[in-house]
Every structure is written in C-alpha cells, then in structure tokens.
Protein backbone atom coordinates (compact mmCIF):
# COMPACT_ATOMS: atom_id res chain seq x y z
CA MET A 1 -17.96 23.56 6.82
CA GLY A 2 -14.94 21.81 8.33
CA SER A 3 -15.31 18.54 10.16
CA PRO A 4 -18.53 16.60 9.54
CA LYS A 5 -20.70 15.66 12.52
CA PHE A 6 -20.98 11.89 12.33
CA GLU A 7 -20.46 8.75 14.37
CA VAL A 8 -19.11 5.41 13.16
CA LYS A 9 -19.86 2.08 14.76
CA ALA A 10 -19.80 -1.59 13.82
CA VAL A 11 -23.08 -3.50 14.15
CA ASN A 12 -22.32 -7.19 13.55
CA ASP A 13 -20.46 -7.10 10.21
CA ILE A 14 -22.09 -3.87 9.00
CA HIS A 15 -20.44 -0.52 9.64
CA GLU A 16 -22.84 2.32 10.26
CA ILE A 17 -22.07 5.99 9.65
CA TYR A 18 -24.67 8.06 11.46
CA VAL A 19 -24.93 11.76 10.64
CA LYS A 20 -26.38 13.59 13.63
CA GLY A 21 -29.48 15.76 13.56
CA GLN A 22 -29.32 18.57 11.01
CA PRO A 23 -31.82 21.27 10.00
CA ARG A 24 -33.77 20.67 6.80
CA LYS A 25 -33.07 24.09 5.31
CA ASP A 26 -30.33 23.86 2.68
CA TRP A 27 -29.15 20.53 4.09
CA GLU A 28 -26.54 18.59 2.16
CA GLN A 29 -23.88 16.05 2.98
CA TRP A 30 -20.89 15.32 0.77
CA VAL A 31 -19.13 11.97 0.73
CA LEU A 32 -15.71 11.59 -0.87
CA LEU A 33 -15.07 8.14 -2.34
CA THR A 34 -11.48 7.24 -3.14
CA SER A 35 -9.73 4.03 -4.13
CA ASP A 36 -6.30 2.83 -5.19
CA ARG A 37 -4.41 5.89 -4.03
CA HIS A 38 -1.13 3.89 -4.02
CA TRP A 39 0.03 6.84 -1.95
CA ASP A 40 3.65 5.73 -1.51
CA ASN A 41 4.19 4.95 -5.20
CA PRO A 42 6.24 7.59 -7.10
CA LYS A 43 3.51 7.61 -9.78
CA SER A 44 0.77 8.52 -7.29
CA ASP A 45 -0.54 12.04 -7.88
CA ARG A 46 -0.24 13.59 -4.42
CA LEU A 47 -1.02 17.11 -5.59
CA LEU A 48 -4.42 16.03 -6.83
CA GLN A 49 -5.04 14.04 -3.65
CA THR A 50 -4.23 17.06 -1.50
CA GLU A 51 -6.55 19.22 -3.60
CA HIS A 52 -9.43 16.78 -3.09
CA LEU A 53 -8.70 16.34 0.61
CA LYS A 54 -8.77 20.10 1.15
CA LEU A 55 -12.06 20.28 -0.73
CA ALA A 56 -13.40 17.49 1.49
CA LYS A 57 -12.45 19.58 4.50
CA GLU A 58 -14.21 22.63 3.08
CA ARG A 59 -17.35 20.63 2.32
CA GLY A 60 -17.38 18.78 5.63
CA ALA A 61 -17.28 15.58 3.60
CA ILE A 62 -17.19 12.06 4.97
CA ILE A 63 -14.26 10.14 3.45
CA ILE A 64 -14.60 6.47 2.52
CA ASP A 65 -11.46 4.89 1.06
CA ASN A 66 -12.01 1.70 -0.93
CA GLY A 67 -8.60 0.11 -0.42
CA ASP A 68 -5.04 0.12 -1.78
CA LEU A 69 -4.45 3.40 -0.02
CA MET A 70 -0.80 2.29 0.07
CA CYS A 71 1.19 0.39 -2.57
CA LEU A 72 3.80 -1.31 -0.31
CA MET A 73 5.23 -3.52 -3.05
CA GLN A 74 8.91 -2.96 -2.28
CA GLY A 75 9.19 -5.19 0.78
CA LYS A 76 11.66 -8.04 1.15
CA TYR A 77 9.18 -10.81 0.42
CA ASP A 78 7.25 -9.20 -2.42
CA PRO A 79 8.08 -10.67 -5.85
CA ARG A 80 6.51 -7.62 -7.52
CA GLY A 81 9.11 -5.28 -6.01
CA SER A 82 11.11 -2.83 -8.12
CA LYS A 83 13.70 -0.31 -6.97
CA SER A 84 12.32 2.23 -9.44
CA SER A 85 8.94 2.12 -7.68
CA ILE A 86 10.11 3.28 -4.27
CA ARG A 87 10.31 6.85 -3.10
CA PRO A 88 13.80 7.83 -1.79
CA GLU A 89 12.52 8.61 1.72
CA HIS A 90 11.09 5.11 2.00
CA ASN A 91 14.26 3.29 0.94
CA VAL A 92 15.17 2.44 4.53
CA ASP A 93 15.56 -0.68 6.67
CA HIS A 94 12.16 -0.43 8.36
CA TYR A 95 10.36 0.13 5.08
CA LEU A 96 6.80 -0.78 6.09
CA ASP A 97 6.99 1.24 9.31
CA LYS A 98 8.28 4.28 7.45
CA VAL A 99 5.52 4.19 4.82
CA ILE A 100 2.77 3.77 7.43
CA ASP A 101 4.16 6.57 9.64
CA ASP A 102 4.56 8.97 6.71
CA ALA A 103 1.07 8.17 5.41
CA ALA A 104 -0.43 8.87 8.84
CA ASP A 105 1.39 12.23 8.92
CA TYR A 106 0.08 13.13 5.46
CA PHE A 107 -3.57 12.24 6.16
CA ALA A 108 -3.68 13.46 9.79
CA PRO A 109 -4.98 16.99 8.90
CA TYR A 110 -8.02 15.26 7.37
CA GLY A 111 -8.33 12.53 10.00
CA GLU A 112 -11.64 13.85 11.34
CA ASN A 113 -13.18 13.39 7.89
CA PHE A 114 -12.05 9.78 7.47
CA ALA A 115 -14.81 7.34 8.41
CA PHE A 116 -13.96 4.07 6.74
CA LEU A 117 -11.05 2.19 5.21
CA VAL A 118 -11.47 -0.89 3.02
CA ILE A 119 -8.69 -3.48 2.79
CA GLY A 120 -7.28 -3.63 -0.74
CA ASN A 121 -5.37 -6.43 -2.41
CA HIS A 122 -2.07 -4.62 -1.78
CA GLU A 123 -2.68 -4.37 1.97
CA ALA A 124 -3.97 -7.96 2.05
CA SER A 125 -0.90 -9.26 0.20
CA VAL A 126 1.57 -7.55 2.52
CA SER A 127 -0.40 -8.59 5.60
CA LYS A 128 -0.25 -12.20 4.46
CA ARG A 129 3.51 -12.15 3.77
CA CYS A 130 4.56 -10.13 6.80
CA GLU A 131 1.98 -11.30 9.36
CA THR A 132 0.74 -7.83 10.30
CA ASN A 133 -2.53 -6.03 9.63
CA ILE A 134 -1.36 -3.12 7.49
CA SER A 135 -4.74 -1.34 7.36
CA LYS A 136 -5.26 -1.52 11.12
CA ARG A 137 -1.72 -0.27 11.77
CA PHE A 138 -2.36 2.73 9.53
CA ALA A 139 -5.72 3.44 11.21
CA ASP A 140 -4.13 3.21 14.67
CA GLN A 141 -1.36 5.61 13.64
CA LEU A 142 -3.86 8.04 12.13
CA LYS A 143 -5.82 8.06 15.40
CA LEU A 144 -2.63 8.75 17.36
CA LYS A 145 -1.86 11.76 15.18
CA CYS A 146 -5.51 12.86 14.98
CA PRO A 147 -7.31 11.73 18.17
CA ALA A 148 -10.64 13.02 16.82
CA SER A 149 -10.54 10.52 13.93
CA GLN A 150 -13.22 7.82 13.98
CA ILE A 151 -11.75 5.80 11.11
CA HIS A 152 -12.90 2.16 11.09
CA VAL A 153 -11.34 -0.67 9.08
CA GLY A 154 -13.59 -3.04 7.19
CA GLY A 155 -12.81 -6.06 5.05
CA ILE A 156 -12.07 -6.43 1.36
CA THR A 157 -15.87 -6.56 0.96
CA GLY A 158 -18.84 -5.76 3.19
CA TYR A 159 -21.57 -3.23 3.91
CA ILE A 160 -21.73 0.38 5.03
CA LYS A 161 -25.00 1.89 6.18
CA LEU A 162 -25.37 5.67 5.87
CA ARG A 163 -28.00 7.09 8.21
CA PHE A 164 -29.01 10.76 8.06
CA ASP A 165 -31.07 12.45 10.76
CA ILE A 166 -32.64 15.53 9.19
CA ASN A 167 -34.61 17.33 11.87
CA GLY A 168 -35.98 14.04 13.18
CA GLU A 169 -36.62 12.43 9.79
CA MET A 170 -34.37 9.48 9.05
CA ALA A 171 -32.99 8.47 5.65
CA THR A 172 -30.90 5.35 5.22
CA TYR A 173 -28.75 4.21 2.30
CA LEU A 174 -27.00 0.86 2.12
CA ILE A 175 -23.61 0.64 0.42
CA ASP A 176 -22.29 -2.74 -0.76
CA TYR A 177 -18.53 -2.35 -1.19
CA HIS A 178 -15.83 -4.56 -2.66
CA HIS A 179 -12.29 -3.39 -3.27
CA GLY A 180 -12.54 -4.99 -6.69
CA TYR A 181 -11.25 -7.91 -8.70
CA GLY A 182 -10.33 -8.92 -12.23
CA GLY A 183 -8.69 -6.82 -14.91
CA GLY A 184 -11.61 -4.59 -15.83
CA GLY A 185 -11.75 -5.82 -19.44
CA PRO A 186 -10.16 -3.91 -22.35
CA VAL A 187 -13.55 -3.37 -24.01
CA THR A 188 -16.21 -3.48 -21.27
CA LYS A 189 -14.05 -1.75 -18.60
CA GLY A 190 -15.75 -4.08 -16.12
CA VAL A 191 -19.19 -2.57 -16.67
CA ILE A 192 -20.51 -6.05 -17.43
CA GLN A 193 -20.22 -6.78 -13.70
CA THR A 194 -23.08 -4.39 -12.90
CA ASN A 195 -25.84 -6.76 -14.00
CA ARG A 196 -24.19 -9.65 -12.19
CA ARG A 197 -23.95 -7.69 -8.96
CA ALA A 198 -27.50 -6.38 -9.29
CA VAL A 199 -28.75 -9.97 -9.13
CA TYR A 200 -27.26 -10.78 -5.73
CA SER A 201 -27.13 -7.37 -4.03
CA ASP A 202 -30.10 -5.29 -2.90
CA ALA A 203 -27.98 -2.31 -1.80
CA ASP A 204 -28.69 1.27 -2.90
CA ILE A 205 -25.06 1.85 -3.93
CA ILE A 206 -22.52 -0.75 -5.06
CA LEU A 207 -18.87 0.34 -4.94
CA SER A 208 -15.82 -1.15 -6.57
CA GLY A 209 -12.27 -0.11 -7.38
CA HIS A 210 -9.07 -2.03 -8.18
CA THR A 211 -9.16 -1.81 -11.99
CA HIS A 212 -8.34 1.94 -12.07
CA GLU A 213 -11.36 2.53 -14.31
CA ALA A 214 -14.15 5.07 -13.72
CA TRP A 215 -17.83 4.83 -14.50
CA GLN A 216 -21.26 5.07 -12.94
CA VAL A 217 -24.18 2.94 -14.07
CA PRO A 218 -27.73 3.41 -12.75
CA ILE A 219 -29.95 0.34 -12.77
CA GLN A 220 -33.63 1.12 -12.34
CA ARG A 221 -35.41 -1.44 -10.19
CA ARG A 222 -39.04 -2.17 -9.31
CA LYS A 223 -40.24 -2.62 -5.74
CA VAL A 224 -43.48 -2.81 -3.80
CA SER A 225 -43.62 -1.15 -0.38
CA GLU A 226 -45.33 -2.61 2.68
CA LYS A 227 -48.24 -0.25 1.97
CA GLY A 228 -48.56 -1.56 -1.58
CA ASN A 229 -46.98 1.38 -3.39
CA ILE A 230 -44.97 0.53 -6.51
CA THR A 231 -41.64 2.39 -6.63
CA HIS A 232 -38.73 2.44 -9.06
CA PRO A 233 -35.58 3.15 -7.05
CA ILE A 234 -32.18 3.43 -8.70
CA GLN A 235 -29.34 1.15 -7.71
CA TRP A 236 -26.08 3.01 -8.44
CA HIS A 237 -23.04 0.98 -9.53
CA LEU A 238 -19.97 3.13 -9.01
CA GLN A 239 -16.45 2.34 -10.19
CA ILE A 240 -13.88 4.49 -8.39
CA PRO A 241 -10.70 5.45 -10.28
CA SER A 242 -7.13 5.60 -9.00
CA TYR A 243 -4.65 8.38 -8.29
CA LYS A 244 -1.80 6.47 -9.94
CA ARG A 245 -0.48 7.80 -13.26
CA HIS A 246 1.32 4.83 -14.75
CA TYR A 247 1.34 5.59 -18.45
CA GLY A 248 3.72 8.49 -19.03
CA GLY A 249 7.18 8.16 -20.55
CA GLY A 250 6.71 4.78 -22.19
CA LYS A 251 8.82 3.09 -19.52
CA PRO A 252 8.92 -0.73 -19.42
CA ASN A 253 6.74 -0.93 -16.32
CA TRP A 254 4.16 -3.64 -15.73
CA GLU A 255 1.23 -1.68 -17.15
CA ASN A 256 3.04 -0.69 -20.35
CA LEU A 257 4.45 -4.17 -20.89
CA LYS A 258 0.90 -5.51 -20.68
CA GLY A 259 -0.30 -2.92 -23.19
CA PHE A 260 -2.75 -1.26 -20.82
CA PRO A 261 -4.22 2.06 -21.97
CA PRO A 262 -4.06 5.29 -19.94
CA LYS A 263 -6.50 5.20 -17.03
CA PRO A 264 -8.67 7.97 -15.54
CA VAL A 265 -7.28 9.62 -12.42
CA GLY A 266 -9.31 11.18 -9.62
CA CYS A 267 -12.09 10.46 -7.16
CA LEU A 268 -15.86 10.27 -6.93
CA TRP A 269 -18.17 12.55 -4.96
CA LEU A 270 -21.60 11.79 -3.59
CA ARG A 271 -23.87 14.66 -2.65
CA PHE A 272 -26.91 13.92 -0.50
CA PHE A 273 -29.44 16.73 -0.21
CA TYR A 274 -32.98 17.42 0.93
CA ASP A 275 -35.37 17.75 -2.01
CA ARG A 276 -38.36 19.86 -0.92
CA ARG A 277 -40.21 19.42 -4.22
CA LYS A 278 -39.95 15.65 -3.99
CA ARG A 279 -40.99 15.79 -0.34
CA LYS A 280 -44.14 17.78 -1.24
CA GLU A 281 -45.07 15.36 -4.02
CA GLU A 282 -44.61 12.32 -1.77
CA LYS A 283 -46.58 13.93 1.02
CA GLU A 284 -49.49 14.50 -1.34
CA ASN A 285 -49.30 10.87 -2.42
CA HIS A 286 -49.12 9.70 1.22
CA LYS A 287 -45.65 8.23 0.77
CA ARG A 288 -42.84 8.55 3.28
CA VAL A 289 -40.26 11.28 2.76
CA ASN A 290 -37.21 10.25 0.79
CA PHE A 291 -33.91 11.93 0.07
CA GLU A 292 -32.46 12.33 -3.37
CA ARG A 293 -28.79 11.79 -4.05
CA GLN A 294 -26.57 13.13 -6.76
CA HIS A 295 -23.37 11.55 -7.96
CA ASP A 296 -20.62 13.55 -9.60
CA LEU A 297 -17.36 12.45 -11.09
CA VAL A 298 -15.08 15.43 -10.64
CA GLU A 299 -11.68 16.64 -11.79
CA PHE A 300 -10.65 13.60 -13.77
CA GLY A 301 -7.25 13.89 -15.37
CA ALA A 302 -6.53 17.19 -13.62
C-alpha cells in the first residue's frame, strides 16, 4: 500500500488525523502504535523496530509514537548517565545533536507514515536540563530528510482525533493519550489505572506507555444517543510496550538492581475496517453507520 493518504492538523489542543475519501469495498486502515523505543540505547531492539516499520510501510499504516522515542540519558547534566548505556557512534562532543541527526536518518524512509509524536519523560527531562525542545528538533530534522512527512508533536498528554472518510460517510474515533506514569505495579501491571481513567475520560481509545508493560482492556459502557437509542460502546484501554530489552545477562543495571522482571517487547497495531454486516444491521434498525475496529498485539518477544 505504501504511504497512507492522510492529513494532520492541530485544532486548539486536539490533533486531528484525517484520512481522505476511500472506497467502501475492502477498506481498512492500519495504525501502528509504538512507545518507549529508547532508540539510541544499546539495549533497544532495532531489528524488530525495522521489521515493524517496513510492515507499516507495506500496510500504509499511520504511525503514532507515544514518547521516549529516544533515551538521551548520557548527557553532561543527566545524573542517570552511564558510559555502558551509550552507543559508540554517539560518544562524541555534540552528543544530543548526533543522536537526533542519526535518529532522523533512521526513520526518514518511513517519514511519510509518521503522523504524531508524544513527548515522553526522557525527552521532557533533557529539554528541561538543556533548554531545547528535543521532540520538536527531531520532528524538524525528520521533515528535512523526508519533506513529505506531516509529523506533529503533541504534549506528554492530550487528544488525537481520527477521522475516516469512507465514500462520503464519516467515522470519528477519539484517542486520549498519556505517555504514562508510575511504575506499573509488580502485580497489577498498571491495569488498575483503567477504571480510574474510565471515570474521567470519555474517549474511545485510551493510550499509555512508560512502564514497558503490554495489555489491552475493553470496558463496556452504556450510552443513549440523541435519537434515544441505547448503545454499549467499548472503551479500549491500551498499554503499549517498549523495544528495550533490559533483562539479559544479569548485569547490575538499574532494572536488575530494582528486581524488575523481564518486560514484553514490541508494538501494538490497530486495524480499522468497514463492516458490511454491521452496517446492514444498523440500517435496518435506523441507526447511523458505524465502523468496527480490531486491536492486535503482534510479534511480542520476537
């Protein structure tokens, strides 16, 4: 499929990704959700990232990155820095510049697929210490190397609105994103947050990352439409894993010293498609056409 046909724009504090008119027959749109790539860390699995990026290109997927795309912990003013956590090619005087430039080179072949970049705690920390917007600098460099890229930078939390035009019929899904917070919990893995978030957010999809865990929890809700129809839509709570493999070798790194278990590695795919059977049923019941979505966790631990 190649490059997806979409437009990205900011409306107030909400970023909108609009997928242009498409035929109904066999329509589908893939979205690749990634988080915590820690791309410049030696423990980041670049082979798996490349595999998923190539698949995104084949599927014409829209890429949304949920923050911590870069690690950037080895700077002069970062107390977390460790010489063992820097790649040899980045051990130079202009460390931040080198990482950003190399990252832009790596992701440039997929620049047309990138739609949105969330600010993670790593980017926020470096930006605070070094007085530069790391995420914006990366996005600007990516656009220089791939002029067709429409990548937009959001905040550490906010909203993304997906709008699909399927032969004149519109379907809209609201995503409430947060890079993530807390430690995830050794027992609950952070799943306990789903019911808390469901109370204050009315979005269709709620994204989080940061803890390097992976799960998806559907919460069935009850709503009444303007026409008085009772519906039971699903609110999807999606925890995106990382690409960082920290556990191997038993080295005295931060994760092993804290006794953290191995974490899932990979990404999360969303597949939006046109459901003709559902459309027929809703038409018979005089309800507006809706679009089903399917969520797949793929290639974990590959």
